[in-house]
N, C-alpha and C. Protein backbone atom coordinates (compact mmCIF):
# COMPACT_ATOMS: atom_id res chain seq x y z
N MET A 1 -15.62 -24.42 -76.70
CA MET A 1 -15.18 -23.18 -76.12
C MET A 1 -14.66 -22.27 -77.21
N SER A 2 -14.96 -21.05 -77.00
CA SER A 2 -14.49 -20.08 -78.00
C SER A 2 -13.10 -19.61 -77.64
N PRO A 3 -12.39 -19.10 -78.61
CA PRO A 3 -11.02 -18.65 -78.33
C PRO A 3 -10.98 -17.43 -77.41
N THR A 4 -12.11 -16.77 -77.19
CA THR A 4 -12.11 -15.59 -76.32
C THR A 4 -12.41 -15.94 -74.87
N SER A 5 -12.60 -17.19 -74.55
CA SER A 5 -12.91 -17.60 -73.19
C SER A 5 -11.71 -17.36 -72.27
N THR A 6 -11.99 -16.85 -71.08
CA THR A 6 -10.90 -16.54 -70.15
C THR A 6 -10.74 -17.59 -69.07
N LEU A 7 -11.52 -18.63 -69.10
CA LEU A 7 -11.39 -19.69 -68.11
C LEU A 7 -10.14 -20.49 -68.40
N ALA A 8 -9.36 -20.64 -67.38
CA ALA A 8 -8.14 -21.42 -67.56
C ALA A 8 -8.14 -22.53 -66.52
N ALA A 9 -7.74 -23.67 -66.89
CA ALA A 9 -7.68 -24.80 -65.97
C ALA A 9 -6.48 -24.60 -65.05
N PRO A 10 -6.63 -25.00 -63.77
CA PRO A 10 -5.50 -24.86 -62.85
C PRO A 10 -4.35 -25.74 -63.30
N LYS A 11 -3.17 -25.28 -63.02
CA LYS A 11 -1.98 -26.04 -63.40
C LYS A 11 -1.88 -27.25 -62.49
N PRO A 12 -1.45 -28.36 -63.01
CA PRO A 12 -1.33 -29.56 -62.17
C PRO A 12 -0.30 -29.33 -61.05
N GLY A 13 -0.66 -29.80 -59.83
CA GLY A 13 0.24 -29.69 -58.68
C GLY A 13 0.07 -28.40 -57.89
N LYS A 14 -0.68 -27.45 -58.38
CA LYS A 14 -0.88 -26.20 -57.66
C LYS A 14 -2.37 -26.07 -57.30
N LYS A 15 -2.65 -25.80 -56.01
CA LYS A 15 -4.02 -25.68 -55.54
C LYS A 15 -4.48 -24.25 -55.78
N PRO A 16 -5.75 -24.08 -56.05
CA PRO A 16 -6.26 -22.72 -56.17
C PRO A 16 -6.18 -22.02 -54.81
N GLU A 17 -6.02 -20.71 -54.81
CA GLU A 17 -5.84 -19.94 -53.58
C GLU A 17 -7.06 -20.04 -52.66
N ASN A 18 -8.23 -20.04 -53.20
CA ASN A 18 -9.40 -20.04 -52.35
C ASN A 18 -9.57 -21.34 -51.58
N VAL A 19 -9.04 -22.47 -52.05
CA VAL A 19 -9.13 -23.73 -51.32
C VAL A 19 -8.26 -23.68 -50.06
N SER A 20 -7.03 -23.20 -50.18
CA SER A 20 -6.16 -23.12 -49.00
C SER A 20 -6.70 -22.09 -48.00
N ARG A 21 -7.29 -21.02 -48.49
CA ARG A 21 -7.89 -20.01 -47.61
C ARG A 21 -9.07 -20.62 -46.86
N LYS A 22 -9.89 -21.41 -47.54
CA LYS A 22 -11.02 -22.05 -46.88
C LYS A 22 -10.56 -23.04 -45.81
N ARG A 23 -9.45 -23.72 -46.05
CA ARG A 23 -8.93 -24.65 -45.04
C ARG A 23 -8.51 -23.90 -43.78
N TRP A 24 -7.84 -22.76 -43.96
CA TRP A 24 -7.42 -21.98 -42.79
C TRP A 24 -8.63 -21.41 -42.05
N LEU A 25 -9.62 -20.98 -42.76
CA LEU A 25 -10.83 -20.49 -42.12
C LEU A 25 -11.52 -21.60 -41.34
N PHE A 26 -11.51 -22.82 -41.91
CA PHE A 26 -12.10 -23.96 -41.20
C PHE A 26 -11.32 -24.25 -39.93
N ARG A 27 -9.99 -24.24 -40.00
CA ARG A 27 -9.16 -24.52 -38.82
C ARG A 27 -9.37 -23.46 -37.75
N ILE A 28 -9.45 -22.22 -38.14
CA ILE A 28 -9.67 -21.14 -37.18
C ILE A 28 -11.04 -21.28 -36.53
N SER A 29 -12.04 -21.65 -37.30
CA SER A 29 -13.38 -21.81 -36.71
C SER A 29 -13.41 -22.98 -35.74
N VAL A 30 -12.67 -24.05 -36.02
CA VAL A 30 -12.59 -25.18 -35.09
C VAL A 30 -11.94 -24.73 -33.78
N VAL A 31 -10.87 -23.95 -33.88
CA VAL A 31 -10.20 -23.44 -32.68
C VAL A 31 -11.15 -22.54 -31.89
N MET A 32 -11.90 -21.70 -32.57
CA MET A 32 -12.82 -20.79 -31.89
C MET A 32 -13.96 -21.56 -31.20
N VAL A 33 -14.31 -22.70 -31.71
CA VAL A 33 -15.35 -23.51 -31.07
C VAL A 33 -14.77 -24.27 -29.87
N LEU A 34 -13.54 -24.76 -29.99
CA LEU A 34 -12.94 -25.56 -28.92
C LEU A 34 -12.33 -24.73 -27.80
N LEU A 35 -11.92 -23.50 -28.06
CA LEU A 35 -11.27 -22.67 -27.06
C LEU A 35 -12.12 -22.45 -25.81
N PRO A 36 -13.40 -22.15 -25.92
CA PRO A 36 -14.19 -21.97 -24.69
C PRO A 36 -14.28 -23.23 -23.82
N LEU A 37 -14.06 -24.40 -24.38
CA LEU A 37 -14.12 -25.63 -23.59
C LEU A 37 -13.08 -25.64 -22.48
N PHE A 38 -11.95 -24.95 -22.68
CA PHE A 38 -10.93 -24.89 -21.64
C PHE A 38 -11.38 -24.05 -20.45
N TYR A 39 -12.28 -23.11 -20.67
CA TYR A 39 -12.74 -22.21 -19.61
C TYR A 39 -14.01 -22.71 -18.92
N LEU A 40 -14.64 -23.74 -19.44
CA LEU A 40 -15.90 -24.22 -18.86
C LEU A 40 -15.77 -24.73 -17.42
N PRO A 41 -14.72 -25.49 -17.05
CA PRO A 41 -14.65 -25.95 -15.66
C PRO A 41 -14.61 -24.78 -14.66
N GLY A 42 -13.81 -23.78 -14.94
CA GLY A 42 -13.75 -22.62 -14.05
C GLY A 42 -15.07 -21.86 -14.02
N TYR A 43 -15.73 -21.79 -15.16
CA TYR A 43 -17.02 -21.11 -15.25
C TYR A 43 -18.07 -21.81 -14.39
N PHE A 44 -18.16 -23.13 -14.51
CA PHE A 44 -19.13 -23.88 -13.71
C PHE A 44 -18.77 -23.86 -12.23
N ASP A 45 -17.48 -23.85 -11.92
CA ASP A 45 -17.04 -23.75 -10.54
C ASP A 45 -17.50 -22.42 -9.93
N ARG A 46 -17.36 -21.33 -10.68
CA ARG A 46 -17.77 -20.01 -10.20
C ARG A 46 -19.29 -19.93 -10.05
N ILE A 47 -20.03 -20.58 -10.95
CA ILE A 47 -21.49 -20.58 -10.84
C ILE A 47 -21.93 -21.32 -9.58
N GLU A 48 -21.31 -22.46 -9.28
CA GLU A 48 -21.64 -23.20 -8.06
C GLU A 48 -21.33 -22.37 -6.83
N MET A 49 -20.23 -21.62 -6.87
CA MET A 49 -19.87 -20.76 -5.75
C MET A 49 -20.91 -19.66 -5.57
N ASN A 50 -21.34 -19.03 -6.65
CA ASN A 50 -22.31 -17.94 -6.56
C ASN A 50 -23.67 -18.43 -6.08
N ARG A 51 -24.03 -19.66 -6.42
CA ARG A 51 -25.31 -20.21 -5.99
C ARG A 51 -25.28 -20.71 -4.55
N GLY A 52 -24.08 -20.88 -4.00
CA GLY A 52 -23.95 -21.37 -2.63
C GLY A 52 -23.81 -22.87 -2.54
N ALA A 53 -23.69 -23.54 -3.68
CA ALA A 53 -23.57 -25.00 -3.67
C ALA A 53 -22.21 -25.45 -3.13
N LYS A 54 -21.22 -24.57 -3.11
CA LYS A 54 -19.88 -24.92 -2.63
C LYS A 54 -19.57 -24.28 -1.28
N GLY A 55 -20.58 -23.84 -0.57
CA GLY A 55 -20.37 -23.25 0.75
C GLY A 55 -20.39 -21.74 0.72
N LEU A 56 -19.90 -21.14 1.79
CA LEU A 56 -19.93 -19.68 1.92
C LEU A 56 -18.87 -18.99 1.06
N GLY A 57 -17.76 -19.62 0.85
CA GLY A 57 -16.68 -19.00 0.09
C GLY A 57 -15.60 -20.00 -0.23
N GLU A 58 -14.50 -19.50 -0.77
CA GLU A 58 -13.41 -20.39 -1.15
C GLU A 58 -12.65 -20.91 0.07
N ARG A 59 -12.64 -20.14 1.15
CA ARG A 59 -11.94 -20.57 2.36
C ARG A 59 -12.81 -20.28 3.58
N MET A 60 -13.15 -21.32 4.28
CA MET A 60 -13.95 -21.18 5.50
C MET A 60 -13.03 -20.76 6.64
N VAL A 61 -13.31 -19.63 7.26
CA VAL A 61 -12.50 -19.14 8.38
C VAL A 61 -12.86 -19.89 9.64
N GLY A 62 -14.15 -20.06 9.90
CA GLY A 62 -14.57 -20.82 11.07
C GLY A 62 -15.87 -20.32 11.63
N GLU A 63 -16.27 -20.94 12.74
CA GLU A 63 -17.49 -20.55 13.45
C GLU A 63 -17.06 -19.88 14.75
N PHE A 64 -17.66 -18.72 15.02
CA PHE A 64 -17.26 -17.92 16.18
C PHE A 64 -18.49 -17.54 16.98
N ALA A 65 -18.32 -17.51 18.30
CA ALA A 65 -19.37 -17.03 19.20
C ALA A 65 -19.19 -15.53 19.38
N VAL A 66 -20.28 -14.79 19.16
CA VAL A 66 -20.27 -13.34 19.36
C VAL A 66 -21.40 -13.06 20.34
N GLY A 67 -21.05 -12.93 21.60
CA GLY A 67 -22.08 -12.78 22.63
C GLY A 67 -22.93 -14.03 22.69
N PRO A 68 -24.26 -13.89 22.70
CA PRO A 68 -25.13 -15.07 22.75
C PRO A 68 -25.34 -15.72 21.38
N TRP A 69 -24.80 -15.11 20.31
CA TRP A 69 -25.02 -15.60 18.96
C TRP A 69 -23.74 -16.22 18.39
N SER A 70 -23.90 -16.92 17.30
CA SER A 70 -22.72 -17.47 16.62
C SER A 70 -22.84 -17.19 15.12
N ILE A 71 -21.67 -17.08 14.50
CA ILE A 71 -21.60 -16.81 13.06
C ILE A 71 -20.61 -17.77 12.41
N ARG A 72 -20.79 -17.98 11.14
CA ARG A 72 -19.80 -18.69 10.32
C ARG A 72 -19.25 -17.68 9.33
N LEU A 73 -17.93 -17.57 9.24
CA LEU A 73 -17.27 -16.57 8.41
C LEU A 73 -16.40 -17.27 7.37
N ALA A 74 -16.38 -16.71 6.15
CA ALA A 74 -15.57 -17.29 5.08
C ALA A 74 -15.00 -16.18 4.20
N GLU A 75 -13.82 -16.44 3.64
CA GLU A 75 -13.25 -15.56 2.62
C GLU A 75 -13.94 -15.91 1.31
N TRP A 76 -14.43 -14.91 0.62
CA TRP A 76 -15.14 -15.18 -0.63
C TRP A 76 -14.19 -15.72 -1.70
N ASN A 77 -13.00 -15.11 -1.82
CA ASN A 77 -12.02 -15.62 -2.77
C ASN A 77 -10.63 -15.57 -2.13
N LEU A 78 -9.72 -16.31 -2.68
CA LEU A 78 -8.38 -16.40 -2.13
C LEU A 78 -7.42 -15.46 -2.85
N MET A 79 -7.90 -14.28 -3.16
CA MET A 79 -7.08 -13.27 -3.82
C MET A 79 -6.72 -12.20 -2.79
N PRO A 80 -5.60 -11.49 -3.02
CA PRO A 80 -5.30 -10.38 -2.12
C PRO A 80 -6.32 -9.26 -2.31
N PRO A 81 -6.35 -8.30 -1.40
CA PRO A 81 -7.31 -7.20 -1.54
C PRO A 81 -7.13 -6.49 -2.88
N ALA A 82 -8.25 -6.07 -3.45
CA ALA A 82 -8.24 -5.40 -4.75
C ALA A 82 -8.45 -3.90 -4.56
N LEU A 83 -7.77 -3.12 -5.35
CA LEU A 83 -7.92 -1.67 -5.29
C LEU A 83 -9.27 -1.29 -5.89
N ASP A 84 -10.04 -0.53 -5.11
CA ASP A 84 -11.38 -0.13 -5.52
C ASP A 84 -11.44 1.40 -5.62
N GLY A 85 -10.61 1.95 -6.48
CA GLY A 85 -10.61 3.39 -6.73
C GLY A 85 -10.26 4.18 -5.49
N GLU A 86 -11.03 5.22 -5.24
CA GLU A 86 -10.79 6.11 -4.10
C GLU A 86 -11.03 5.42 -2.77
N ALA A 87 -11.81 4.35 -2.75
CA ALA A 87 -12.13 3.66 -1.50
C ALA A 87 -10.92 2.94 -0.92
N GLY A 88 -9.95 2.61 -1.72
CA GLY A 88 -8.77 1.89 -1.25
C GLY A 88 -8.88 0.40 -1.54
N TYR A 89 -8.13 -0.38 -0.78
CA TYR A 89 -8.10 -1.82 -0.99
C TYR A 89 -9.24 -2.49 -0.22
N MET A 90 -9.93 -3.39 -0.93
CA MET A 90 -11.10 -4.07 -0.36
C MET A 90 -10.93 -5.59 -0.49
N LYS A 91 -11.48 -6.30 0.49
CA LYS A 91 -11.48 -7.77 0.51
C LYS A 91 -12.90 -8.22 0.85
N THR A 92 -13.44 -9.16 0.09
CA THR A 92 -14.82 -9.61 0.27
C THR A 92 -14.88 -10.82 1.20
N PHE A 93 -15.81 -10.74 2.16
CA PHE A 93 -16.07 -11.83 3.09
C PHE A 93 -17.54 -12.19 3.03
N SER A 94 -17.85 -13.43 3.39
CA SER A 94 -19.25 -13.85 3.48
C SER A 94 -19.47 -14.42 4.88
N LEU A 95 -20.72 -14.38 5.30
CA LEU A 95 -21.05 -14.73 6.67
C LEU A 95 -22.44 -15.37 6.71
N ALA A 96 -22.64 -16.28 7.65
CA ALA A 96 -23.96 -16.87 7.89
C ALA A 96 -24.24 -16.81 9.39
N LEU A 97 -25.43 -16.38 9.72
CA LEU A 97 -25.86 -16.34 11.12
C LEU A 97 -26.37 -17.71 11.54
N CYS A 98 -26.36 -17.95 12.84
CA CYS A 98 -26.90 -19.21 13.35
C CYS A 98 -28.42 -19.25 13.17
N GLU A 99 -28.98 -20.44 13.18
CA GLU A 99 -30.43 -20.63 12.97
C GLU A 99 -31.25 -19.85 13.98
N GLN A 100 -30.85 -19.90 15.26
CA GLN A 100 -31.63 -19.28 16.32
C GLN A 100 -31.53 -17.76 16.33
N CYS A 101 -30.44 -17.22 15.81
CA CYS A 101 -30.23 -15.78 15.95
C CYS A 101 -30.63 -14.97 14.72
N THR A 102 -31.17 -15.59 13.68
CA THR A 102 -31.54 -14.83 12.48
C THR A 102 -32.61 -13.79 12.76
N ALA A 103 -33.51 -14.09 13.68
CA ALA A 103 -34.57 -13.13 14.00
C ALA A 103 -34.14 -12.12 15.06
N GLN A 104 -33.02 -12.36 15.71
CA GLN A 104 -32.57 -11.48 16.79
C GLN A 104 -31.53 -10.46 16.36
N VAL A 105 -30.79 -10.74 15.30
CA VAL A 105 -29.69 -9.87 14.87
C VAL A 105 -30.21 -8.86 13.86
N LYS A 106 -29.95 -7.61 14.13
CA LYS A 106 -30.38 -6.52 13.25
C LYS A 106 -29.33 -6.25 12.17
N ALA A 107 -28.06 -6.20 12.54
CA ALA A 107 -27.00 -5.89 11.59
C ALA A 107 -25.68 -6.51 12.04
N VAL A 108 -24.82 -6.77 11.05
CA VAL A 108 -23.48 -7.30 11.31
C VAL A 108 -22.49 -6.41 10.59
N TYR A 109 -21.43 -6.01 11.29
CA TYR A 109 -20.40 -5.13 10.73
C TYR A 109 -19.04 -5.79 10.84
N ILE A 110 -18.12 -5.39 9.94
CA ILE A 110 -16.74 -5.89 9.98
C ILE A 110 -15.80 -4.72 9.73
N ARG A 111 -14.67 -4.74 10.45
CA ARG A 111 -13.73 -3.63 10.35
C ARG A 111 -12.35 -4.10 10.79
N VAL A 112 -11.30 -3.50 10.20
CA VAL A 112 -9.93 -3.72 10.67
C VAL A 112 -9.67 -2.66 11.73
N GLY A 113 -9.35 -3.09 12.93
CA GLY A 113 -9.13 -2.17 14.04
C GLY A 113 -10.40 -2.04 14.87
N LYS A 114 -10.22 -1.71 16.14
CA LYS A 114 -11.36 -1.62 17.05
C LYS A 114 -12.22 -0.41 16.69
N PRO A 115 -13.53 -0.61 16.55
CA PRO A 115 -14.42 0.52 16.25
C PRO A 115 -14.57 1.44 17.46
N ARG A 116 -14.61 2.73 17.20
CA ARG A 116 -14.78 3.72 18.27
C ARG A 116 -16.21 3.71 18.81
N SER A 117 -17.16 3.49 17.91
CA SER A 117 -18.57 3.46 18.31
C SER A 117 -19.33 2.63 17.28
N LEU A 118 -20.61 2.48 17.49
CA LEU A 118 -21.44 1.73 16.55
C LEU A 118 -21.54 2.45 15.21
N ARG A 119 -21.43 3.76 15.23
CA ARG A 119 -21.48 4.52 13.98
C ARG A 119 -20.24 4.28 13.13
N ALA A 120 -19.14 3.87 13.75
CA ALA A 120 -17.89 3.59 13.03
C ALA A 120 -17.57 2.10 13.08
N ALA A 121 -18.61 1.27 13.04
CA ALA A 121 -18.42 -0.17 13.20
C ALA A 121 -17.83 -0.84 11.96
N GLY A 122 -17.81 -0.15 10.82
CA GLY A 122 -17.20 -0.71 9.63
C GLY A 122 -18.22 -1.01 8.56
N ALA A 123 -17.85 -1.91 7.68
CA ALA A 123 -18.70 -2.29 6.55
C ALA A 123 -19.84 -3.18 7.05
N ILE A 124 -21.02 -2.95 6.54
CA ILE A 124 -22.18 -3.73 6.96
C ILE A 124 -22.35 -4.92 6.02
N PHE A 125 -22.70 -6.05 6.60
CA PHE A 125 -22.99 -7.23 5.79
C PHE A 125 -24.40 -7.09 5.22
N PHE A 126 -24.57 -7.50 3.99
CA PHE A 126 -25.88 -7.42 3.33
C PHE A 126 -26.22 -8.77 2.73
N GLY A 127 -27.50 -9.02 2.57
CA GLY A 127 -27.97 -10.28 2.00
C GLY A 127 -28.88 -10.99 2.98
N SER A 128 -29.21 -12.24 2.67
CA SER A 128 -30.07 -13.01 3.56
C SER A 128 -29.26 -13.41 4.79
N PRO A 129 -29.93 -13.74 5.91
CA PRO A 129 -29.19 -14.11 7.12
C PRO A 129 -28.33 -15.36 6.94
N TYR A 130 -28.64 -16.15 5.94
CA TYR A 130 -27.91 -17.40 5.74
C TYR A 130 -26.71 -17.25 4.83
N ARG A 131 -26.61 -16.07 4.17
CA ARG A 131 -25.46 -15.81 3.30
C ARG A 131 -25.37 -14.31 3.06
N GLN A 132 -24.51 -13.66 3.83
CA GLN A 132 -24.35 -12.22 3.72
C GLN A 132 -22.94 -11.91 3.24
N PHE A 133 -22.79 -10.74 2.61
CA PHE A 133 -21.50 -10.32 2.06
C PHE A 133 -21.13 -8.94 2.59
N ALA A 134 -19.82 -8.69 2.71
CA ALA A 134 -19.31 -7.37 3.05
C ALA A 134 -17.94 -7.21 2.42
N ASN A 135 -17.64 -5.99 2.03
CA ASN A 135 -16.31 -5.65 1.50
C ASN A 135 -15.53 -4.96 2.60
N LEU A 136 -14.55 -5.66 3.14
CA LEU A 136 -13.73 -5.15 4.22
C LEU A 136 -12.69 -4.20 3.66
N HIS A 137 -12.65 -2.97 4.18
CA HIS A 137 -11.64 -2.01 3.78
C HIS A 137 -10.35 -2.33 4.53
N VAL A 138 -9.26 -2.53 3.78
CA VAL A 138 -7.96 -2.80 4.38
C VAL A 138 -7.19 -1.49 4.36
N PRO A 139 -7.06 -0.81 5.51
CA PRO A 139 -6.41 0.50 5.52
C PRO A 139 -4.91 0.39 5.25
N ASP A 140 -4.32 1.51 4.86
CA ASP A 140 -2.88 1.54 4.57
C ASP A 140 -2.05 1.25 5.82
N ARG A 141 -2.55 1.60 6.99
CA ARG A 141 -1.81 1.41 8.23
C ARG A 141 -1.93 -0.01 8.78
N ALA A 142 -2.68 -0.88 8.14
CA ALA A 142 -2.89 -2.24 8.64
C ALA A 142 -1.60 -3.05 8.57
N THR A 143 -1.43 -3.92 9.54
CA THR A 143 -0.29 -4.84 9.58
C THR A 143 -0.83 -6.26 9.70
N PRO A 144 0.00 -7.27 9.48
CA PRO A 144 -0.47 -8.64 9.65
C PRO A 144 -0.93 -8.95 11.08
N ASP A 145 -0.47 -8.14 12.05
CA ASP A 145 -0.89 -8.34 13.44
C ASP A 145 -2.19 -7.62 13.78
N SER A 146 -2.75 -6.90 12.84
CA SER A 146 -4.00 -6.16 13.09
C SER A 146 -5.12 -7.13 13.42
N GLU A 147 -6.15 -6.57 14.02
CA GLU A 147 -7.32 -7.39 14.37
C GLU A 147 -8.51 -7.00 13.51
N VAL A 148 -9.30 -7.99 13.16
CA VAL A 148 -10.55 -7.77 12.45
C VAL A 148 -11.65 -7.87 13.50
N TRP A 149 -12.44 -6.81 13.60
CA TRP A 149 -13.52 -6.75 14.59
C TRP A 149 -14.84 -6.99 13.90
N ILE A 150 -15.62 -7.90 14.44
CA ILE A 150 -16.96 -8.18 13.93
C ILE A 150 -17.94 -7.76 15.03
N THR A 151 -18.87 -6.91 14.64
CA THR A 151 -19.85 -6.36 15.59
C THR A 151 -21.24 -6.81 15.17
N LEU A 152 -21.99 -7.38 16.10
CA LEU A 152 -23.38 -7.75 15.86
C LEU A 152 -24.28 -6.85 16.69
N GLU A 153 -25.29 -6.29 16.05
CA GLU A 153 -26.25 -5.43 16.71
C GLU A 153 -27.59 -6.15 16.72
N GLY A 154 -28.17 -6.25 17.90
CA GLY A 154 -29.45 -6.93 18.05
C GLY A 154 -30.62 -5.98 17.95
N TRP A 155 -31.80 -6.53 17.71
CA TRP A 155 -33.02 -5.72 17.65
C TRP A 155 -33.35 -5.12 19.01
N ASP A 156 -32.84 -5.71 20.07
CA ASP A 156 -33.09 -5.18 21.41
C ASP A 156 -32.12 -4.05 21.77
N GLY A 157 -31.22 -3.67 20.86
CA GLY A 157 -30.27 -2.59 21.11
C GLY A 157 -28.93 -3.04 21.63
N SER A 158 -28.77 -4.31 21.91
CA SER A 158 -27.49 -4.81 22.43
C SER A 158 -26.48 -4.95 21.30
N THR A 159 -25.21 -4.78 21.64
CA THR A 159 -24.13 -4.98 20.67
C THR A 159 -23.12 -5.94 21.28
N HIS A 160 -22.63 -6.81 20.43
CA HIS A 160 -21.62 -7.79 20.86
C HIS A 160 -20.53 -7.79 19.80
N GLN A 161 -19.28 -7.93 20.28
CA GLN A 161 -18.13 -7.87 19.37
C GLN A 161 -17.20 -9.04 19.61
N VAL A 162 -16.46 -9.36 18.56
CA VAL A 162 -15.39 -10.33 18.65
C VAL A 162 -14.22 -9.80 17.82
N ALA A 163 -13.02 -9.98 18.34
CA ALA A 163 -11.81 -9.56 17.63
C ALA A 163 -11.05 -10.81 17.19
N LEU A 164 -10.70 -10.85 15.92
CA LEU A 164 -9.98 -11.99 15.35
C LEU A 164 -8.70 -11.49 14.70
N PRO A 165 -7.60 -12.24 14.82
CA PRO A 165 -6.36 -11.81 14.17
C PRO A 165 -6.53 -11.83 12.64
N LEU A 166 -6.01 -10.81 11.99
CA LEU A 166 -6.11 -10.71 10.53
C LEU A 166 -5.44 -11.90 9.85
N ALA A 167 -4.33 -12.36 10.42
CA ALA A 167 -3.63 -13.50 9.83
C ALA A 167 -4.48 -14.77 9.87
N GLU A 168 -5.39 -14.88 10.85
CA GLU A 168 -6.28 -16.04 10.93
C GLU A 168 -7.47 -15.87 9.99
N VAL A 169 -7.99 -14.66 9.90
CA VAL A 169 -9.16 -14.40 9.07
C VAL A 169 -8.80 -14.48 7.59
N SER A 170 -7.66 -13.91 7.22
CA SER A 170 -7.24 -13.92 5.82
C SER A 170 -5.72 -14.01 5.71
N PRO A 171 -5.17 -15.21 5.66
CA PRO A 171 -3.72 -15.36 5.51
C PRO A 171 -3.20 -14.72 4.22
N VAL A 172 -4.03 -14.71 3.19
CA VAL A 172 -3.64 -14.10 1.92
C VAL A 172 -3.42 -12.60 2.11
N THR A 173 -4.31 -11.96 2.83
CA THR A 173 -4.19 -10.53 3.09
C THR A 173 -2.99 -10.24 3.97
N ALA A 174 -2.73 -11.07 4.96
CA ALA A 174 -1.56 -10.88 5.82
C ALA A 174 -0.28 -11.01 5.00
N GLY A 175 -0.22 -11.99 4.13
CA GLY A 175 0.95 -12.14 3.25
C GLY A 175 1.09 -10.97 2.30
N TRP A 176 -0.03 -10.47 1.81
CA TRP A 176 -0.01 -9.31 0.91
C TRP A 176 0.51 -8.07 1.63
N LEU A 177 0.12 -7.90 2.90
CA LEU A 177 0.60 -6.76 3.68
C LEU A 177 2.10 -6.84 3.91
N VAL A 178 2.62 -8.04 4.17
CA VAL A 178 4.07 -8.22 4.35
C VAL A 178 4.79 -7.88 3.05
N LYS A 179 4.27 -8.38 1.95
CA LYS A 179 4.88 -8.12 0.65
C LYS A 179 4.82 -6.64 0.30
N LYS A 180 3.74 -5.99 0.71
CA LYS A 180 3.54 -4.56 0.42
C LYS A 180 4.49 -3.70 1.24
N GLY A 181 4.97 -4.23 2.36
CA GLY A 181 5.90 -3.48 3.18
C GLY A 181 5.31 -3.01 4.49
N ASN A 182 4.25 -3.65 4.96
CA ASN A 182 3.65 -3.33 6.25
C ASN A 182 4.02 -4.44 7.23
N PRO A 183 5.23 -4.43 7.77
CA PRO A 183 5.63 -5.52 8.67
C PRO A 183 4.91 -5.44 10.00
N THR A 184 5.07 -6.48 10.78
CA THR A 184 4.42 -6.54 12.09
C THR A 184 5.06 -5.59 13.07
């Protein structure tokens, strides 16, 4: 080596800076690889729910007779109603028609409070007859004692309705209304 060489040997007992930096980068990369593993169970659970492998929703409300037909109703998630901008607070429900009535039912509607007419029947369910969705508008004037009205319209022009207590259809929403300050 010539006397002008600038290479210096590291001092004993002291690590070069780039080695400790590489160790931290390695540790951070390990954390970044392992962190998504904590979210995988919830992710797969949500995928099964979206595919219908876990039923209609997170909470099955029940099976109800509406005129000559029957429906199965479920809460899609167990969360309180979510604010949807100018539309107000919305809650998602899912529904399945009975085997015999899939060809007879034209439309299914859901609403808080008794509808004045078929034109004001509420939110329409959409999707296949075996798994339909609707976003129920929860009005500001709703109370836990309010009724949820489900209206079925047949291809023959007939309409059939059933009224269910909101506390039975969605206990989470009823609790949210009490907490919000809408007592019975």
